[in-house]
Protein backbone atom coordinates (compact mmCIF):
# COMPACT_ATOMS: atom_id res chain seq x y z
CA MET A 1 -0.20 0.08 0.20
CA ASP A 2 1.27 3.36 -1.09
CA SER A 3 1.36 5.49 2.10
CA SER A 4 2.26 9.03 0.24
CA THR A 5 -0.50 11.87 0.64
CA LEU A 6 -0.79 14.74 -1.75
CA SER A 7 -1.57 18.40 -0.63
CA MET A 8 -2.20 21.79 -1.62
CA SER A 9 -1.16 24.77 -0.23
CA VAL A 10 -3.59 27.17 0.51
CA ARG A 11 -2.88 30.75 1.88
CA LEU A 12 -4.30 32.43 4.96
CA ARG A 13 -3.79 35.42 6.94
CA ARG A 14 -4.21 36.58 10.23
CA VAL A 15 -6.04 39.71 11.32
CA ARG A 16 -5.23 41.20 14.84
CA THR A 17 -7.13 44.03 15.83
CA GLU A 18 -5.41 46.59 18.06
CA THR A 19 -7.44 49.85 19.33
CA THR A 20 -5.62 52.82 21.23
CA THR A 21 -6.56 56.45 22.07
CA VAL A 22 -4.69 59.29 20.61
CA SER A 23 -5.30 63.34 21.82
CA VAL A 24 -4.77 65.35 18.84
CA PRO A 25 -3.84 69.22 19.78
CA ILE A 26 -6.21 71.66 18.39
CA THR A 27 -3.86 74.33 16.97
CA LEU A 28 -4.32 76.22 14.07
CA GLU A 29 -2.96 73.20 11.79
CA VAL A 30 -6.12 71.54 12.45
CA MET A 31 -8.88 74.31 11.82
CA ARG A 32 -10.38 75.70 9.03
CA THR A 33 -11.87 79.43 8.38
CA ASP A 34 -15.21 79.53 8.40
CA GLU A 35 -16.95 81.25 5.26
CA GLU A 36 -19.99 82.51 7.57
CA GLY A 37 -17.43 84.81 8.98
CA GLY A 38 -17.21 82.85 12.22
CA GLY A 39 -13.80 82.57 12.85
CA PRO A 40 -12.12 79.47 12.72
CA LYS A 41 -14.06 75.92 13.00
CA MET A 42 -12.35 72.69 13.66
CA ASP A 43 -11.59 70.54 10.30
CA VAL A 44 -12.42 66.96 11.19
CA ASP A 45 -10.54 65.68 8.03
CA LYS A 46 -7.58 67.51 9.34
CA ILE A 47 -7.89 65.92 13.15
CA ILE A 48 -8.43 62.55 11.51
CA ALA A 49 -4.93 62.95 9.51
CA ALA A 50 -3.05 64.44 13.02
CA ALA A 51 -5.20 61.18 14.99
CA LEU A 52 -3.59 58.95 12.01
CA GLN A 53 -0.37 60.44 12.04
CA LEU A 54 0.28 59.96 15.57
CA GLY A 55 -0.85 55.90 15.72
CA LYS A 56 2.55 55.65 13.76
CA PHE A 57 4.78 56.90 16.75
CA ASP A 58 6.58 53.86 18.86
CA SER A 59 5.53 55.39 21.74
CA ILE A 60 1.81 54.68 21.16
CA GLU A 61 0.82 51.20 23.11
CA TRP A 62 -1.97 49.51 21.30
CA GLU A 63 -4.07 47.31 23.30
CA ILE A 64 -4.94 43.64 21.30
CA GLU A 65 -9.04 43.53 21.03
CA GLY A 66 -10.06 40.38 20.95
CA GLU A 67 -8.99 36.99 19.19
CA PRO A 68 -7.29 37.23 16.03
CA GLU A 69 -9.52 36.72 12.80
CA ILE A 70 -8.01 33.76 10.16
CA GLN A 71 -9.32 34.84 6.63
CA LEU A 72 -8.69 33.29 3.40
CA HIS A 73 -5.60 35.39 1.95
CA PRO A 74 -7.21 37.46 -1.16
CA ILE A 75 -3.97 36.74 -3.21
CA GLN A 76 -3.23 32.65 -3.46
CA SER A 77 0.34 32.46 -4.79
CA ALA A 78 2.49 29.25 -4.70
CA PRO A 79 4.75 29.90 -1.74
CA GLU A 80 8.29 29.93 -2.20
CA THR A 81 9.38 26.66 -1.31
CA LYS A 82 9.62 23.73 -4.02
CA THR A 83 6.74 21.10 -4.37
CA THR A 84 6.75 18.23 -2.80
CA ILE A 85 4.66 15.15 -2.90
CA GLN A 86 5.17 12.65 -0.32
């Protein structure tokens, strides 16, 4: 009896969600001028962009949220190693 098996590689990825909170200073860089003449207003898009930049700093502490999610990788490519049949 032949005990060899055939297998196929399926590429997976594990996605882990981490969360943190950053404080964005309200400065002129995150403000926009009010067209109605009421003075400067906070620009939400600029605040979000600043928060995303702050999230890149090594000093930011991230907290793992829940269990990692395992998904089928959208790109199924051959592994870097040689294919073998055992």
